[in-house]
Amino acid sequence: MLGNIIDAFQGHHKWPRTIVQREFCNNVHGLCAPQLAPLLLLALVPLDAGLSAPMRAGLAVFAFFTAMSQQTHAWSHSLKSELPAAVVALQSAGLIISRKAHGAHHLPPFQGNYAIVSGVSNALLDAPWALPALERYIYETTGVGPRCWDEPPLDWVSSDAPDEE
């Protein structure tokens, strides 16, 4: 099951605008179901169990944005004219990933800028001790390195990424 999700996600690098053509439910359904178990557990934990209200709210917001991550990602591939004003405002405020911020991920050498909810985490995740260290660990453990370590074939690059800001 996970292999199909990864394959579909990687395919969007060749055809970035296909994610825009999918219905909202198609974009989010695969990530909604995994959020149900943690949210159910969160709801069942007694209020006096030491889990503060801010922590509960933070976990609920995290679950919501995890479920919505594919939709925020789709919006980052949309033309500004295709988006509701509220989404454009959220992108402009940096609360969800903008077209420009995510567009950097689709340019050679195709490494870094992996965030698809909010670009705020890119600087942290791109630090040498974060995702690059995880990539090295996976390579040392499995012998499989990320595609960005090799020169990607030019036919992998599509010109249909939005350039309208």
N, C-alpha and C. Protein backbone atom coordinates (compact mmCIF):
# COMPACT_ATOMS: atom_id res chain seq x y z
N MET A 1 0.82 -1.20 0.00
CA MET A 1 0.00 0.00 0.00
C MET A 1 0.87 1.26 0.00
N LEU A 2 1.89 1.30 0.85
CA LEU A 2 2.74 2.48 0.94
C LEU A 2 3.49 2.71 -0.37
N GLY A 3 3.89 1.63 -1.04
CA GLY A 3 4.59 1.75 -2.31
C GLY A 3 3.77 2.47 -3.36
N ASN A 4 2.45 2.21 -3.40
CA ASN A 4 1.58 2.88 -4.37
C ASN A 4 1.49 4.37 -4.08
N ILE A 5 1.42 4.72 -2.79
CA ILE A 5 1.35 6.14 -2.41
C ILE A 5 2.63 6.85 -2.80
N ILE A 6 3.77 6.22 -2.52
CA ILE A 6 5.06 6.81 -2.86
C ILE A 6 5.20 6.95 -4.36
N ASP A 7 4.80 5.91 -5.10
CA ASP A 7 4.90 5.96 -6.56
C ASP A 7 4.05 7.09 -7.13
N ALA A 8 2.83 7.22 -6.65
CA ALA A 8 1.95 8.29 -7.13
C ALA A 8 2.53 9.66 -6.78
N PHE A 9 3.08 9.78 -5.59
CA PHE A 9 3.65 11.04 -5.16
C PHE A 9 4.86 11.40 -6.01
N GLN A 10 5.73 10.42 -6.29
CA GLN A 10 6.90 10.68 -7.13
C GLN A 10 6.49 11.03 -8.55
N GLY A 11 5.40 10.42 -9.04
CA GLY A 11 4.93 10.70 -10.39
C GLY A 11 4.57 12.15 -10.60
N HIS A 12 4.20 12.82 -9.53
CA HIS A 12 3.82 14.23 -9.68
C HIS A 12 5.03 15.09 -10.03
N HIS A 13 6.24 14.58 -9.83
CA HIS A 13 7.41 15.35 -10.22
C HIS A 13 7.56 15.41 -11.74
N LYS A 14 7.08 14.39 -12.41
CA LYS A 14 7.12 14.41 -13.86
C LYS A 14 5.96 15.23 -14.42
N TRP A 15 4.81 15.14 -13.77
CA TRP A 15 3.62 15.88 -14.22
C TRP A 15 3.05 16.65 -13.02
N PRO A 16 3.67 17.77 -12.63
CA PRO A 16 3.28 18.48 -11.42
C PRO A 16 1.83 18.94 -11.36
N ARG A 17 1.21 19.24 -12.48
CA ARG A 17 -0.15 19.78 -12.44
C ARG A 17 -1.22 18.71 -12.34
N THR A 18 -0.86 17.43 -12.39
CA THR A 18 -1.89 16.39 -12.27
C THR A 18 -2.57 16.47 -10.90
N ILE A 19 -1.84 16.87 -9.88
CA ILE A 19 -2.42 16.97 -8.54
C ILE A 19 -3.52 18.03 -8.49
N VAL A 20 -3.42 19.03 -9.35
CA VAL A 20 -4.42 20.11 -9.41
C VAL A 20 -5.71 19.60 -10.04
N GLN A 21 -5.60 18.63 -10.90
CA GLN A 21 -6.76 18.12 -11.62
C GLN A 21 -7.61 17.14 -10.81
N ARG A 22 -7.11 16.71 -9.66
CA ARG A 22 -7.85 15.77 -8.82
C ARG A 22 -8.85 16.50 -7.94
N GLU A 23 -9.93 15.81 -7.64
CA GLU A 23 -10.94 16.33 -6.72
C GLU A 23 -10.35 16.43 -5.30
N PHE A 24 -10.88 17.31 -4.50
CA PHE A 24 -10.46 17.49 -3.12
C PHE A 24 -10.43 16.15 -2.37
N CYS A 25 -11.51 15.38 -2.46
CA CYS A 25 -11.58 14.10 -1.73
C CYS A 25 -10.50 13.14 -2.19
N ASN A 26 -10.17 13.16 -3.46
CA ASN A 26 -9.12 12.29 -3.99
C ASN A 26 -7.78 12.69 -3.39
N ASN A 27 -7.56 13.97 -3.17
CA ASN A 27 -6.29 14.44 -2.60
C ASN A 27 -6.15 14.10 -1.13
N VAL A 28 -7.22 14.13 -0.36
CA VAL A 28 -7.08 14.00 1.10
C VAL A 28 -7.49 12.65 1.68
N HIS A 29 -8.25 11.84 0.97
CA HIS A 29 -8.80 10.63 1.59
C HIS A 29 -7.73 9.68 2.12
N GLY A 30 -6.62 9.55 1.41
CA GLY A 30 -5.59 8.60 1.83
C GLY A 30 -4.91 8.97 3.13
N LEU A 31 -4.95 10.25 3.48
CA LEU A 31 -4.30 10.69 4.71
C LEU A 31 -5.28 10.94 5.84
N CYS A 32 -6.58 10.90 5.56
CA CYS A 32 -7.57 11.09 6.61
C CYS A 32 -7.68 9.86 7.51
N ALA A 33 -7.75 8.69 6.91
CA ALA A 33 -7.93 7.46 7.69
C ALA A 33 -6.83 7.26 8.73
N PRO A 34 -5.55 7.45 8.40
CA PRO A 34 -4.52 7.26 9.43
C PRO A 34 -4.62 8.24 10.60
N GLN A 35 -5.32 9.36 10.41
CA GLN A 35 -5.46 10.34 11.48
C GLN A 35 -6.56 9.96 12.47
N LEU A 36 -7.44 9.06 12.07
CA LEU A 36 -8.57 8.71 12.93
C LEU A 36 -8.15 8.05 14.23
N ALA A 37 -7.22 7.11 14.18
CA ALA A 37 -6.80 6.41 15.39
C ALA A 37 -6.19 7.36 16.43
N PRO A 38 -5.20 8.21 16.05
CA PRO A 38 -4.66 9.13 17.05
C PRO A 38 -5.71 10.10 17.60
N LEU A 39 -6.62 10.56 16.73
CA LEU A 39 -7.64 11.49 17.20
C LEU A 39 -8.63 10.80 18.12
N LEU A 40 -8.94 9.54 17.83
CA LEU A 40 -9.82 8.78 18.72
C LEU A 40 -9.16 8.58 20.08
N LEU A 41 -7.89 8.22 20.08
CA LEU A 41 -7.16 8.07 21.35
C LEU A 41 -7.11 9.39 22.10
N LEU A 42 -6.89 10.46 21.38
CA LEU A 42 -6.86 11.79 22.00
C LEU A 42 -8.20 12.10 22.64
N ALA A 43 -9.28 11.75 21.97
CA ALA A 43 -10.61 12.01 22.51
C ALA A 43 -10.91 11.13 23.73
N LEU A 44 -10.32 9.94 23.78
CA LEU A 44 -10.61 9.01 24.87
C LEU A 44 -9.75 9.24 26.12
N VAL A 45 -8.65 9.95 25.97
CA VAL A 45 -7.80 10.23 27.13
C VAL A 45 -8.55 11.16 28.06
N PRO A 46 -8.72 10.77 29.32
CA PRO A 46 -9.45 11.64 30.26
C PRO A 46 -8.81 13.02 30.38
N LEU A 47 -9.63 14.02 30.58
CA LEU A 47 -9.13 15.39 30.66
C LEU A 47 -8.15 15.59 31.81
N ASP A 48 -8.27 14.79 32.85
CA ASP A 48 -7.37 14.95 34.00
C ASP A 48 -6.15 14.03 33.92
N ALA A 49 -5.85 13.52 32.73
CA ALA A 49 -4.74 12.56 32.57
C ALA A 49 -3.40 13.25 32.35
N GLY A 50 -3.34 14.55 32.48
CA GLY A 50 -2.08 15.26 32.35
C GLY A 50 -1.80 15.78 30.95
N LEU A 51 -2.71 15.59 30.04
CA LEU A 51 -2.55 16.12 28.69
C LEU A 51 -3.26 17.46 28.66
N SER A 52 -2.49 18.55 28.60
CA SER A 52 -3.06 19.88 28.69
C SER A 52 -3.93 20.22 27.48
N ALA A 53 -4.80 21.19 27.66
CA ALA A 53 -5.66 21.64 26.56
C ALA A 53 -4.84 22.16 25.38
N PRO A 54 -3.79 22.97 25.61
CA PRO A 54 -2.97 23.41 24.47
C PRO A 54 -2.31 22.23 23.73
N MET A 55 -1.89 21.21 24.48
CA MET A 55 -1.28 20.05 23.84
C MET A 55 -2.32 19.29 23.02
N ARG A 56 -3.51 19.14 23.56
CA ARG A 56 -4.59 18.48 22.81
C ARG A 56 -4.91 19.25 21.54
N ALA A 57 -5.01 20.57 21.67
CA ALA A 57 -5.31 21.40 20.51
C ALA A 57 -4.19 21.29 19.47
N GLY A 58 -2.95 21.31 19.94
CA GLY A 58 -1.81 21.19 19.03
C GLY A 58 -1.81 19.87 18.28
N LEU A 59 -2.13 18.79 18.98
CA LEU A 59 -2.19 17.48 18.33
C LEU A 59 -3.33 17.42 17.32
N ALA A 60 -4.45 18.02 17.65
CA ALA A 60 -5.59 18.04 16.72
C ALA A 60 -5.25 18.86 15.47
N VAL A 61 -4.60 20.01 15.66
CA VAL A 61 -4.20 20.85 14.52
C VAL A 61 -3.18 20.09 13.66
N PHE A 62 -2.23 19.40 14.32
CA PHE A 62 -1.24 18.61 13.58
C PHE A 62 -1.94 17.54 12.74
N ALA A 63 -2.90 16.83 13.32
CA ALA A 63 -3.63 15.80 12.59
C ALA A 63 -4.39 16.40 11.41
N PHE A 64 -5.01 17.55 11.63
CA PHE A 64 -5.76 18.22 10.56
C PHE A 64 -4.84 18.57 9.40
N PHE A 65 -3.71 19.20 9.69
CA PHE A 65 -2.81 19.61 8.60
C PHE A 65 -2.12 18.42 7.95
N THR A 66 -1.92 17.34 8.69
CA THR A 66 -1.40 16.12 8.07
C THR A 66 -2.41 15.61 7.04
N ALA A 67 -3.67 15.56 7.43
CA ALA A 67 -4.72 15.10 6.51
C ALA A 67 -4.87 16.05 5.32
N MET A 68 -4.66 17.32 5.54
CA MET A 68 -4.82 18.33 4.48
C MET A 68 -3.55 18.55 3.66
N SER A 69 -2.47 17.89 4.00
CA SER A 69 -1.19 18.17 3.36
C SER A 69 -1.21 18.01 1.84
N GLN A 70 -1.90 17.02 1.34
CA GLN A 70 -1.95 16.86 -0.11
C GLN A 70 -2.75 17.99 -0.77
N GLN A 71 -3.72 18.53 -0.06
CA GLN A 71 -4.48 19.64 -0.64
C GLN A 71 -3.66 20.93 -0.63
N THR A 72 -2.95 21.19 0.46
CA THR A 72 -2.09 22.38 0.46
C THR A 72 -1.02 22.25 -0.62
N HIS A 73 -0.55 21.02 -0.81
CA HIS A 73 0.41 20.74 -1.86
C HIS A 73 -0.21 21.01 -3.24
N ALA A 74 -1.43 20.57 -3.45
CA ALA A 74 -2.12 20.82 -4.72
C ALA A 74 -2.25 22.32 -4.96
N TRP A 75 -2.60 23.07 -3.93
CA TRP A 75 -2.73 24.51 -4.09
C TRP A 75 -1.40 25.14 -4.49
N SER A 76 -0.27 24.56 -4.04
CA SER A 76 1.04 25.12 -4.40
C SER A 76 1.37 24.88 -5.87
N HIS A 77 0.62 24.00 -6.52
CA HIS A 77 0.80 23.75 -7.95
C HIS A 77 -0.25 24.47 -8.79
N SER A 78 -1.14 25.18 -8.15
CA SER A 78 -2.23 25.86 -8.86
C SER A 78 -1.81 27.26 -9.26
N LEU A 79 -2.42 27.73 -10.32
CA LEU A 79 -2.23 29.13 -10.70
C LEU A 79 -2.99 30.00 -9.70
N LYS A 80 -2.49 31.16 -9.45
CA LYS A 80 -3.13 32.08 -8.51
C LYS A 80 -4.59 32.31 -8.89
N SER A 81 -4.84 32.41 -10.18
CA SER A 81 -6.21 32.68 -10.66
C SER A 81 -7.15 31.49 -10.42
N GLU A 82 -6.62 30.31 -10.13
CA GLU A 82 -7.44 29.12 -9.88
C GLU A 82 -7.80 28.96 -8.41
N LEU A 83 -7.21 29.78 -7.55
CA LEU A 83 -7.36 29.61 -6.11
C LEU A 83 -8.37 30.56 -5.50
N PRO A 84 -9.07 30.10 -4.46
CA PRO A 84 -9.93 31.00 -3.70
C PRO A 84 -9.08 32.09 -3.02
N ALA A 85 -9.65 33.23 -2.82
CA ALA A 85 -8.93 34.35 -2.20
C ALA A 85 -8.36 33.97 -0.83
N ALA A 86 -9.09 33.18 -0.07
CA ALA A 86 -8.62 32.78 1.26
C ALA A 86 -7.34 31.96 1.17
N VAL A 87 -7.24 31.09 0.18
CA VAL A 87 -6.03 30.27 0.00
C VAL A 87 -4.86 31.16 -0.40
N VAL A 88 -5.09 32.09 -1.30
CA VAL A 88 -4.03 33.03 -1.71
C VAL A 88 -3.56 33.82 -0.49
N ALA A 89 -4.48 34.25 0.35
CA ALA A 89 -4.12 35.01 1.56
C ALA A 89 -3.29 34.15 2.51
N LEU A 90 -3.67 32.88 2.69
CA LEU A 90 -2.91 31.98 3.56
C LEU A 90 -1.51 31.73 3.00
N GLN A 91 -1.41 31.59 1.67
CA GLN A 91 -0.10 31.41 1.04
C GLN A 91 0.74 32.67 1.21
N SER A 92 0.15 33.82 0.98
CA SER A 92 0.88 35.09 1.10
C SER A 92 1.38 35.32 2.52
N ALA A 93 0.60 34.87 3.50
CA ALA A 93 0.98 35.03 4.90
C ALA A 93 2.00 33.99 5.34
N GLY A 94 2.28 33.00 4.48
CA GLY A 94 3.24 31.96 4.83
C GLY A 94 2.66 30.87 5.73
N LEU A 95 1.34 30.86 5.90
CA LEU A 95 0.72 29.84 6.75
C LEU A 95 0.58 28.51 6.04
N ILE A 96 0.44 28.54 4.71
CA ILE A 96 0.50 27.32 3.91
C ILE A 96 1.49 27.57 2.77
N ILE A 97 2.00 26.51 2.21
CA ILE A 97 3.07 26.62 1.21
C ILE A 97 2.59 27.38 -0.03
N SER A 98 3.40 28.32 -0.46
CA SER A 98 3.07 29.12 -1.64
C SER A 98 3.55 28.43 -2.91
N ARG A 99 3.10 28.92 -4.02
CA ARG A 99 3.54 28.38 -5.30
C ARG A 99 5.04 28.61 -5.48
N LYS A 100 5.51 29.79 -5.14
CA LYS A 100 6.92 30.12 -5.31
C LYS A 100 7.80 29.27 -4.38
N ALA A 101 7.41 29.16 -3.13
CA ALA A 101 8.21 28.39 -2.17
C ALA A 101 8.30 26.91 -2.56
N HIS A 102 7.19 26.33 -2.99
CA HIS A 102 7.23 24.92 -3.37
C HIS A 102 7.88 24.74 -4.73
N GLY A 103 7.79 25.74 -5.58
CA GLY A 103 8.40 25.65 -6.90
C GLY A 103 9.89 25.39 -6.83
N ALA A 104 10.57 25.86 -5.78
CA ALA A 104 12.00 25.62 -5.61
C ALA A 104 12.31 24.12 -5.51
N HIS A 105 11.37 23.35 -5.02
CA HIS A 105 11.53 21.90 -4.89
C HIS A 105 11.54 21.22 -6.26
N HIS A 106 10.93 21.84 -7.24
CA HIS A 106 10.80 21.25 -8.57
C HIS A 106 11.89 21.73 -9.54
N LEU A 107 12.93 22.35 -9.02
CA LEU A 107 14.04 22.82 -9.86
C LEU A 107 15.29 22.00 -9.55
N PRO A 108 16.13 21.76 -10.57
CA PRO A 108 17.39 21.05 -10.31
C PRO A 108 18.17 21.75 -9.22
N PRO A 109 18.81 21.04 -8.33
CA PRO A 109 19.10 19.61 -8.32
C PRO A 109 18.01 18.75 -7.63
N PHE A 110 16.82 19.27 -7.45
CA PHE A 110 15.69 18.51 -6.90
C PHE A 110 15.96 17.98 -5.50
N GLN A 111 16.62 18.75 -4.69
CA GLN A 111 16.83 18.34 -3.31
C GLN A 111 16.46 19.50 -2.40
N GLY A 112 15.89 19.17 -1.27
CA GLY A 112 15.48 20.19 -0.32
C GLY A 112 14.11 20.76 -0.63
N ASN A 113 13.68 21.65 0.22
CA ASN A 113 12.37 22.30 0.08
C ASN A 113 11.25 21.27 -0.05
N TYR A 114 11.28 20.24 0.80
CA TYR A 114 10.32 19.14 0.72
C TYR A 114 8.97 19.45 1.36
N ALA A 115 8.89 20.50 2.17
CA ALA A 115 7.65 20.77 2.92
C ALA A 115 6.49 21.03 1.97
N ILE A 116 5.33 20.44 2.29
CA ILE A 116 4.16 20.63 1.43
C ILE A 116 2.98 21.24 2.18
N VAL A 117 3.14 21.53 3.46
CA VAL A 117 2.08 22.20 4.21
C VAL A 117 2.44 23.66 4.38
N SER A 118 3.59 23.92 4.95
CA SER A 118 4.07 25.28 5.16
C SER A 118 5.57 25.29 4.95
N GLY A 119 6.07 26.19 4.18
CA GLY A 119 7.50 26.26 3.91
C GLY A 119 8.33 26.64 5.12
N VAL A 120 7.68 26.95 6.24
CA VAL A 120 8.39 27.37 7.45
C VAL A 120 9.39 26.30 7.89
N SER A 121 9.06 25.04 7.70
CA SER A 121 9.93 23.96 8.17
C SER A 121 11.06 23.64 7.21
N ASN A 122 11.09 24.22 6.02
CA ASN A 122 12.14 23.87 5.06
C ASN A 122 13.54 24.13 5.58
N ALA A 123 13.78 25.29 6.18
CA ALA A 123 15.12 25.61 6.68
C ALA A 123 15.57 24.58 7.71
N LEU A 124 14.67 24.18 8.59
CA LEU A 124 15.00 23.18 9.61
C LEU A 124 15.24 21.82 8.96
N LEU A 125 14.35 21.39 8.09
CA LEU A 125 14.46 20.07 7.48
C LEU A 125 15.64 19.95 6.53
N ASP A 126 16.04 21.06 5.90
CA ASP A 126 17.16 21.04 4.95
C ASP A 126 18.52 21.17 5.63
N ALA A 127 18.54 21.41 6.95
CA ALA A 127 19.80 21.51 7.68
C ALA A 127 20.56 20.19 7.56
N PRO A 128 21.89 20.24 7.52
CA PRO A 128 22.68 19.01 7.31
C PRO A 128 22.39 17.89 8.31
N TRP A 129 21.97 18.22 9.51
CA TRP A 129 21.72 17.20 10.53
C TRP A 129 20.29 16.66 10.49
N ALA A 130 19.44 17.14 9.58
CA ALA A 130 18.05 16.71 9.52
C ALA A 130 17.84 15.73 8.35
N LEU A 131 17.06 16.11 7.35
CA LEU A 131 16.77 15.19 6.25
C LEU A 131 18.01 14.71 5.50
N PRO A 132 19.00 15.56 5.24
CA PRO A 132 20.21 15.03 4.59
C PRO A 132 20.88 13.92 5.43
N ALA A 133 20.88 14.05 6.74
CA ALA A 133 21.43 13.00 7.60
C ALA A 133 20.59 11.73 7.51
N LEU A 134 19.27 11.88 7.46
CA LEU A 134 18.38 10.72 7.32
C LEU A 134 18.61 10.05 5.96
N GLU A 135 18.78 10.85 4.91
CA GLU A 135 19.08 10.27 3.60
C GLU A 135 20.37 9.46 3.63
N ARG A 136 21.40 10.00 4.28
CA ARG A 136 22.67 9.27 4.39
C ARG A 136 22.49 7.99 5.18
N TYR A 137 21.73 8.05 6.28
CA TYR A 137 21.49 6.86 7.10
C TYR A 137 20.78 5.78 6.29
N ILE A 138 19.74 6.17 5.56
CA ILE A 138 19.01 5.20 4.73
C ILE A 138 19.93 4.60 3.68
N TYR A 139 20.78 5.44 3.08
CA TYR A 139 21.72 4.94 2.08
C TYR A 139 22.69 3.94 2.70
N GLU A 140 23.25 4.29 3.86
CA GLU A 140 24.21 3.40 4.53
C GLU A 140 23.57 2.10 4.98
N THR A 141 22.28 2.16 5.32
CA THR A 141 21.56 0.98 5.80
C THR A 141 21.05 0.10 4.67
N THR A 142 20.56 0.73 3.61
CA THR A 142 19.89 -0.04 2.55
C THR A 142 20.63 -0.02 1.21
N GLY A 143 21.55 0.92 1.05
CA GLY A 143 22.23 1.05 -0.24
C GLY A 143 21.42 1.84 -1.26
N VAL A 144 20.27 2.36 -0.85
CA VAL A 144 19.41 3.13 -1.74
C VAL A 144 19.53 4.61 -1.38
N GLY A 145 19.96 5.40 -2.34
CA GLY A 145 20.09 6.83 -2.11
C GLY A 145 18.96 7.59 -2.79
N PRO A 146 18.75 8.83 -2.41
CA PRO A 146 17.69 9.63 -3.05
C PRO A 146 18.04 9.93 -4.50
N ARG A 147 17.01 10.14 -5.30
CA ARG A 147 17.22 10.43 -6.72
C ARG A 147 18.08 11.66 -6.93
N CYS A 148 18.01 12.62 -6.03
CA CYS A 148 18.73 13.88 -6.23
C CYS A 148 20.25 13.71 -6.14
N TRP A 149 20.74 12.56 -5.64
CA TRP A 149 22.17 12.35 -5.59
C TRP A 149 22.75 12.07 -6.97
N ASP A 150 21.93 11.56 -7.84
CA ASP A 150 22.35 11.31 -9.22
C ASP A 150 21.78 12.43 -10.07
N GLU A 151 22.42 12.70 -11.16
CA GLU A 151 21.89 13.71 -12.07
C GLU A 151 20.58 13.19 -12.64
N PRO A 152 19.46 13.84 -12.32
CA PRO A 152 18.19 13.34 -12.84
C PRO A 152 18.10 13.50 -14.35
N PRO A 153 17.47 12.54 -15.01
CA PRO A 153 17.32 12.68 -16.46
C PRO A 153 16.44 13.89 -16.78
N LEU A 154 16.77 14.58 -17.84
CA LEU A 154 16.03 15.80 -18.19
C LEU A 154 14.58 15.53 -18.54
N ASP A 155 14.25 14.30 -18.96
CA ASP A 155 12.85 14.01 -19.28
C ASP A 155 12.00 13.90 -18.02
N TRP A 156 12.64 13.94 -16.85
CA TRP A 156 11.90 13.89 -15.59
C TRP A 156 11.34 15.27 -15.25
N VAL A 157 11.88 16.31 -15.88
CA VAL A 157 11.49 17.68 -15.59
C VAL A 157 10.32 18.06 -16.50
N SER A 158 9.28 18.60 -15.92
CA SER A 158 8.14 19.07 -16.70
C SER A 158 8.10 20.58 -16.67
N SER A 159 7.56 21.15 -17.72
CA SER A 159 7.46 22.61 -17.78
C SER A 159 6.08 23.09 -17.38
N ASP A 160 5.25 22.20 -16.82
CA ASP A 160 3.88 22.64 -16.52
C ASP A 160 3.71 23.13 -15.09
N ALA A 161 4.81 23.41 -14.38
CA ALA A 161 4.72 24.00 -13.04
C ALA A 161 4.22 25.43 -13.17
N PRO A 162 3.38 25.88 -12.25
CA PRO A 162 2.86 27.25 -12.37
C PRO A 162 3.96 28.29 -12.20
N ASP A 163 3.98 29.25 -13.07
CA ASP A 163 4.93 30.34 -12.93
C ASP A 163 4.22 31.66 -12.62
N GLU A 164 2.91 31.59 -12.54
CA GLU A 164 2.12 32.77 -12.21
C GLU A 164 2.21 33.02 -10.70
N GLU A 165 2.56 34.16 -10.29
CA GLU A 165 2.64 34.47 -8.86
C GLU A 165 1.60 35.47 -8.56
